[in-house]
C-alpha atoms as a PDB file:
ATOM      1  CA  MET A   1      29.093  32.056 -67.859  1.00  0.00           C
ATOM      2  CA  ASP A   2      26.402  31.512 -70.478  1.00  0.00           C
ATOM      3  CA  CYS A   3      28.586  29.885 -73.145  1.00  0.00           C
ATOM      4  CA  VAL A   4      26.903  27.022 -75.016  1.00  0.00           C
ATOM      5  CA  PHE A   5      30.215  25.232 -75.651  1.00  0.00           C
ATOM      6  CA  CYS A   6      31.224  25.500 -71.979  1.00  0.00           C
ATOM      7  CA  LYS A   7      27.880  23.889 -71.117  1.00  0.00           C
ATOM      8  CA  ILE A   8      28.483  21.099 -73.651  1.00  0.00           C
ATOM      9  CA  VAL A   9      31.984  20.461 -72.266  1.00  0.00           C
ATOM     10  CA  LYS A  10      30.559  20.270 -68.719  1.00  0.00           C
ATOM     11  CA  GLY A  11      27.795  17.867 -69.809  1.00  0.00           C
ATOM     12  CA  GLN A  12      25.040  20.398 -69.111  1.00  0.00           C
ATOM     13  CA  LEU A  13      23.870  20.268 -72.744  1.00  0.00           C
ATOM     14  CA  PRO A  14      23.737  17.142 -74.916  1.00  0.00           C
ATOM     15  CA  SER A  15      26.222  16.419 -77.687  1.00  0.00           C
ATOM     16  CA  LYS A  16      27.466  13.490 -79.747  1.00  0.00           C
ATOM     17  CA  LYS A  17      30.948  13.108 -78.309  1.00  0.00           C
ATOM     18  CA  VAL A  18      33.699  12.089 -80.711  1.00  0.00           C
ATOM     19  CA  PHE A  19      36.776  12.565 -78.511  1.00  0.00           C
ATOM     20  CA  GLU A  20      37.729  13.885 -75.098  1.00  0.00           C
ATOM     21  CA  ASP A  21      40.895  14.313 -73.096  1.00  0.00           C
ATOM     22  CA  GLU A  22      42.029  16.670 -70.352  1.00  0.00           C
ATOM     23  CA  ARG A  23      42.421  19.625 -72.759  1.00  0.00           C
ATOM     24  CA  VAL A  24      39.739  19.341 -75.458  1.00  0.00           C
ATOM     25  CA  TYR A  25      36.287  18.008 -76.186  1.00  0.00           C
ATOM     26  CA  ALA A  26      35.237  17.102 -79.748  1.00  0.00           C
ATOM     27  CA  PHE A  27      31.666  16.549 -80.889  1.00  0.00           C
ATOM     28  CA  GLU A  28      29.503  16.345 -84.004  1.00  0.00           C
ATOM     29  CA  ASP A  29      28.305  19.702 -85.367  1.00  0.00           C
ATOM     30  CA  ILE A  30      24.499  19.972 -85.125  1.00  0.00           C
ATOM     31  CA  ASN A  31      24.371  21.577 -88.596  1.00  0.00           C
ATOM     32  CA  PRO A  32      26.923  19.555 -90.583  1.00  0.00           C
ATOM     33  CA  VAL A  33      28.091  20.786 -93.979  1.00  0.00           C
ATOM     34  CA  ALA A  34      29.727  17.445 -94.866  1.00  0.00           C
ATOM     35  CA  PRO A  35      29.525  13.787 -93.802  1.00  0.00           C
ATOM     36  CA  THR A  36      32.221  14.548 -91.224  1.00  0.00           C
ATOM     37  CA  HIS A  37      31.790  17.844 -89.420  1.00  0.00           C
ATOM     38  CA  VAL A  38      33.302  17.755 -85.952  1.00  0.00           C
ATOM     39  CA  LEU A  39      33.965  20.680 -83.637  1.00  0.00           C
ATOM     40  CA  ILE A  40      37.095  20.514 -81.495  1.00  0.00           C
ATOM     41  CA  VAL A  41      36.715  22.783 -78.479  1.00  0.00           C
ATOM     42  CA  PRO A  42      39.256  23.585 -75.766  1.00  0.00           C
ATOM     43  CA  LYS A  43      37.927  22.991 -72.266  1.00  0.00           C
ATOM     44  CA  LYS A  44      39.460  26.344 -71.323  1.00  0.00           C
ATOM     45  CA  HIS A  45      37.125  29.149 -72.375  1.00  0.00           C
ATOM     46  CA  ILE A  46      38.813  31.306 -75.003  1.00  0.00           C
ATOM     47  CA  VAL A  47      36.537  33.689 -76.922  1.00  0.00           C
ATOM     48  CA  GLY A  48      38.300  33.191 -80.242  1.00  0.00           C
ATOM     49  CA  LEU A  49      41.587  33.143 -82.097  1.00  0.00           C
ATOM     50  CA  GLN A  50      41.990  36.882 -81.530  1.00  0.00           C
ATOM     51  CA  GLU A  51      42.111  36.236 -77.753  1.00  0.00           C
ATOM     52  CA  LEU A  52      44.971  33.697 -77.838  1.00  0.00           C
ATOM     53  CA  THR A  53      48.094  34.199 -75.789  1.00  0.00           C
ATOM     54  CA  GLU A  54      51.524  32.583 -76.088  1.00  0.00           C
ATOM     55  CA  GLU A  55      50.464  30.225 -73.288  1.00  0.00           C
ATOM     56  CA  ASP A  56      47.701  28.862 -75.555  1.00  0.00           C
ATOM     57  CA  ALA A  57      50.049  27.828 -78.383  1.00  0.00           C
ATOM     58  CA  CYS A  58      50.380  24.216 -77.225  1.00  0.00           C
ATOM     59  CA  LEU A  59      46.616  23.949 -76.771  1.00  0.00           C
ATOM     60  CA  VAL A  60      45.939  25.092 -80.342  1.00  0.00           C
ATOM     61  CA  GLY A  61      48.584  22.706 -81.646  1.00  0.00           C
ATOM     62  CA  HIS A  62      46.905  19.912 -79.698  1.00  0.00           C
ATOM     63  CA  MET A  63      43.576  20.787 -81.341  1.00  0.00           C
ATOM     64  CA  PHE A  64      45.155  20.107 -84.756  1.00  0.00           C
ATOM     65  CA  VAL A  65      46.663  16.813 -83.552  1.00  0.00           C
ATOM     66  CA  VAL A  66      43.177  15.768 -82.384  1.00  0.00           C
ATOM     67  CA  ALA A  67      41.749  16.795 -85.783  1.00  0.00           C
ATOM     68  CA  LYS A  68      44.336  14.590 -87.513  1.00  0.00           C
ATOM     69  CA  ARG A  69      43.476  11.669 -85.239  1.00  0.00           C
ATOM     70  CA  ILE A  70      39.742  11.966 -85.921  1.00  0.00           C
ATOM     71  CA  ALA A  71      40.375  12.320 -89.673  1.00  0.00           C
ATOM     72  CA  GLN A  72      42.431   9.119 -89.610  1.00  0.00           C
ATOM     73  CA  GLU A  73      39.753   7.292 -87.599  1.00  0.00           C
ATOM     74  CA  ARG A  74      37.159   8.377 -90.158  1.00  0.00           C
ATOM     75  CA  ASN A  75      39.353   7.341 -93.075  1.00  0.00           C
ATOM     76  CA  LEU A  76      39.374  10.800 -94.684  1.00  0.00           C
ATOM     77  CA  LYS A  77      42.202   9.814 -97.048  1.00  0.00           C
ATOM     78  CA  GLY A  78      40.939  12.042 -99.860  1.00  0.00           C
ATOM     79  CA  GLY A  79      41.412  15.130 -97.720  1.00  0.00           C
ATOM     80  CA  TYR A  80      39.657  17.316 -95.214  1.00  0.00           C
ATOM     81  CA  ARG A  81      39.488  20.912 -94.128  1.00  0.00           C
ATOM     82  CA  THR A  82      40.219  22.508 -90.739  1.00  0.00           C
ATOM     83  CA  VAL A  83      38.765  25.946 -90.111  1.00  0.00           C
ATOM     84  CA  PHE A  84      38.775  28.588 -87.394  1.00  0.00           C
ATOM     85  CA  ASN A  85      36.111  31.241 -88.014  1.00  0.00           C
ATOM     86  CA  VAL A  86      37.291  34.472 -86.392  1.00  0.00           C
ATOM     87  CA  GLY A  87      34.595  37.050 -85.721  1.00  0.00           C
ATOM     88  CA  GLU A  88      31.072  37.556 -86.993  1.00  0.00           C
ATOM     89  CA  ASP A  89      32.112  38.542 -90.528  1.00  0.00           C
ATOM     90  CA  ALA A  90      33.868  35.174 -90.879  1.00  0.00           C
ATOM     91  CA  GLY A  91      30.837  33.244 -89.646  1.00  0.00           C
ATOM     92  CA  GLN A  92      31.750  32.733 -85.993  1.00  0.00           C
ATOM     93  CA  SER A  93      28.438  32.297 -84.183  1.00  0.00           C
ATOM     94  CA  VAL A  94      29.602  30.794 -80.872  1.00  0.00           C
ATOM     95  CA  PHE A  95      32.249  32.875 -79.156  1.00  0.00           C
ATOM     96  CA  HIS A  96      34.291  30.029 -77.691  1.00  0.00           C
ATOM     97  CA  LEU A  97      37.309  29.021 -79.760  1.00  0.00           C
ATOM     98  CA  HIS A  98      36.547  25.946 -81.875  1.00  0.00           C
ATOM     99  CA  LEU A  99      38.175  24.171 -84.776  1.00  0.00           C
ATOM    100  CA  HIS A 100      35.926  22.730 -87.490  1.00  0.00           C
ATOM    101  CA  LEU A 101      37.033  19.407 -89.001  1.00  0.00           C
ATOM    102  CA  ILE A 102      35.130  18.993 -92.269  1.00  0.00           C
ATOM    103  CA  GLY A 103      35.494  16.088 -94.679  1.00  0.00           C
ATOM    104  CA  GLY A 104      33.948  13.206 -96.533  1.00  0.00           C
ATOM    105  CA  ARG A 105      33.050  15.141 -99.684  1.00  0.00           C
ATOM    106  CA  LYS A 106      34.764  17.156-102.407  1.00  0.00           C
ATOM    107  CA  MET A 107      35.138  20.827-101.449  1.00  0.00           C
ATOM    108  CA  ALA A 108      35.417  23.918-103.587  1.00  0.00           C
ATOM    109  CA  TRP A 109      37.719  26.909-103.313  1.00  0.00           C
ATOM    110  CA  PRO A 110      37.264  29.650-102.341  1.00  0.00           C
ATOM    111  CA  PRO A 111      35.185  28.390 -99.423  1.00  0.00           C
ATOM    112  CA  GLY A 112      32.595  31.034 -98.876  1.00  0.00           C
END
Protein backbone atom coordinates (compact mmCIF):
# COMPACT_ATOMS: atom_id res chain seq x y z
CA MET A 1 0.00 0.00 0.00
CA ASP A 2 1.34 3.43 -0.93
CA CYS A 3 -0.57 5.46 1.66
CA VAL A 4 1.44 8.30 3.21
CA PHE A 5 -0.47 8.12 6.51
CA CYS A 6 0.04 4.34 6.76
CA LYS A 7 3.77 4.99 6.30
CA ILE A 8 3.72 7.66 9.03
CA VAL A 9 1.87 5.32 11.42
CA LYS A 10 4.44 2.57 10.74
CA GLY A 11 7.36 4.97 11.31
CA GLN A 12 8.49 4.77 7.68
CA LEU A 13 8.06 8.54 7.24
CA PRO A 14 8.89 11.18 9.84
CA SER A 15 6.25 13.04 11.84
CA LYS A 16 5.96 15.08 15.02
CA LYS A 17 4.01 12.66 17.18
CA VAL A 18 1.47 14.14 19.57
CA PHE A 19 -0.30 10.99 20.77
CA GLU A 20 -0.38 7.27 20.11
CA ASP A 21 -2.26 4.27 21.40
CA GLU A 22 -3.26 0.91 19.97
CA ARG A 23 -5.98 2.43 17.74
CA VAL A 24 -4.81 5.87 16.59
CA TYR A 25 -1.75 7.96 15.87
CA ALA A 26 -1.86 11.77 16.15
CA PHE A 27 0.73 14.13 14.72
CA GLU A 28 1.30 17.77 13.79
CA ASP A 29 0.02 18.78 10.34
CA ILE A 30 2.92 19.79 8.07
CA ASN A 31 0.87 22.72 6.71
CA PRO A 32 -0.86 24.09 9.83
CA VAL A 33 -3.70 26.58 9.48
CA ALA A 34 -3.63 27.50 13.20
CA PRO A 35 -1.23 27.29 16.15
CA THR A 36 -2.70 23.86 16.91
CA HIS A 37 -3.32 21.70 13.86
CA VAL A 38 -3.10 18.02 14.68
CA LEU A 39 -4.18 15.09 12.52
CA ILE A 40 -5.69 12.10 14.30
CA VAL A 41 -5.36 9.01 12.12
CA PRO A 42 -6.68 5.50 12.76
CA LYS A 43 -4.00 2.84 12.48
CA LYS A 44 -6.50 0.80 10.45
CA HIS A 45 -6.51 2.02 6.85
CA ILE A 46 -9.91 3.46 5.99
CA VAL A 47 -10.09 5.53 2.80
CA GLY A 48 -12.49 8.09 4.23
CA LEU A 49 -15.73 8.71 6.07
CA GLN A 50 -17.69 7.33 3.12
CA GLU A 51 -16.00 3.93 3.66
CA LEU A 52 -16.97 3.53 7.34
CA THR A 53 -18.85 0.50 8.55
CA GLU A 54 -20.81 -0.07 11.76
CA GLU A 55 -17.72 -1.84 13.12
CA ASP A 56 -15.78 1.44 12.83
CA ALA A 57 -18.17 3.46 15.02
CA CYS A 58 -16.17 2.98 18.22
CA LEU A 59 -12.94 3.88 16.42
CA VAL A 60 -14.38 7.17 15.16
CA GLY A 61 -15.73 7.95 18.62
CA HIS A 62 -12.28 7.26 20.04
CA MET A 63 -10.78 9.72 17.54
CA PHE A 64 -12.98 12.47 19.03
CA VAL A 65 -12.03 11.49 22.60
CA VAL A 66 -8.36 11.79 21.58
CA ALA A 67 -9.09 15.20 20.02
CA LYS A 68 -10.65 16.35 23.30
CA ARG A 69 -7.64 15.11 25.26
CA ILE A 70 -5.17 16.94 23.02
CA ALA A 71 -7.29 20.11 23.13
CA GLN A 72 -7.25 19.98 26.93
CA GLU A 73 -3.48 19.38 27.00
CA ARG A 74 -3.01 22.40 24.74
CA ASN A 75 -5.32 24.55 26.85
CA LEU A 76 -7.69 25.36 23.97
CA LYS A 77 -10.30 26.78 26.37
CA GLY A 78 -11.53 29.36 23.87
CA GLY A 79 -12.62 26.64 21.48
CA TYR A 80 -11.38 24.50 18.64
CA ARG A 81 -12.63 22.86 15.50
CA THR A 82 -12.69 19.18 14.48
CA VAL A 83 -13.04 18.43 10.78
CA PHE A 84 -13.32 15.41 8.51
CA ASN A 85 -12.83 16.37 4.85
CA VAL A 86 -14.74 13.85 2.73
CA GLY A 87 -13.68 13.65 -0.91
CA GLU A 88 -11.70 15.91 -3.20
CA ASP A 89 -14.37 18.62 -3.40
CA ALA A 90 -14.18 19.01 0.39
CA GLY A 91 -10.39 19.26 0.36
CA GLN A 92 -9.42 15.69 1.21
CA SER A 93 -5.94 15.22 -0.23
CA VAL A 94 -4.80 12.07 1.59
CA PHE A 95 -7.23 9.19 1.23
CA HIS A 96 -6.81 7.70 4.69
CA LEU A 97 -9.45 8.79 7.20
CA HIS A 98 -8.14 11.59 9.43
CA LEU A 99 -9.63 14.05 11.86
CA HIS A 100 -8.22 17.59 11.92
CA LEU A 101 -7.99 19.25 15.35
CA ILE A 102 -7.58 22.98 14.74
CA GLY A 103 -7.34 25.64 17.43
CA GLY A 104 -5.42 28.43 19.07
CA ARG A 105 -6.92 31.26 17.02
CA LYS A 106 -10.31 32.80 16.29
CA MET A 107 -12.06 31.09 13.38
CA ALA A 108 -14.66 32.37 10.96
CA TRP A 109 -17.83 30.76 9.67
CA PRO A 110 -18.48 29.49 7.09
CA PRO A 111 -15.11 27.75 6.98
CA GLY A 112 -14.22 27.60 3.35
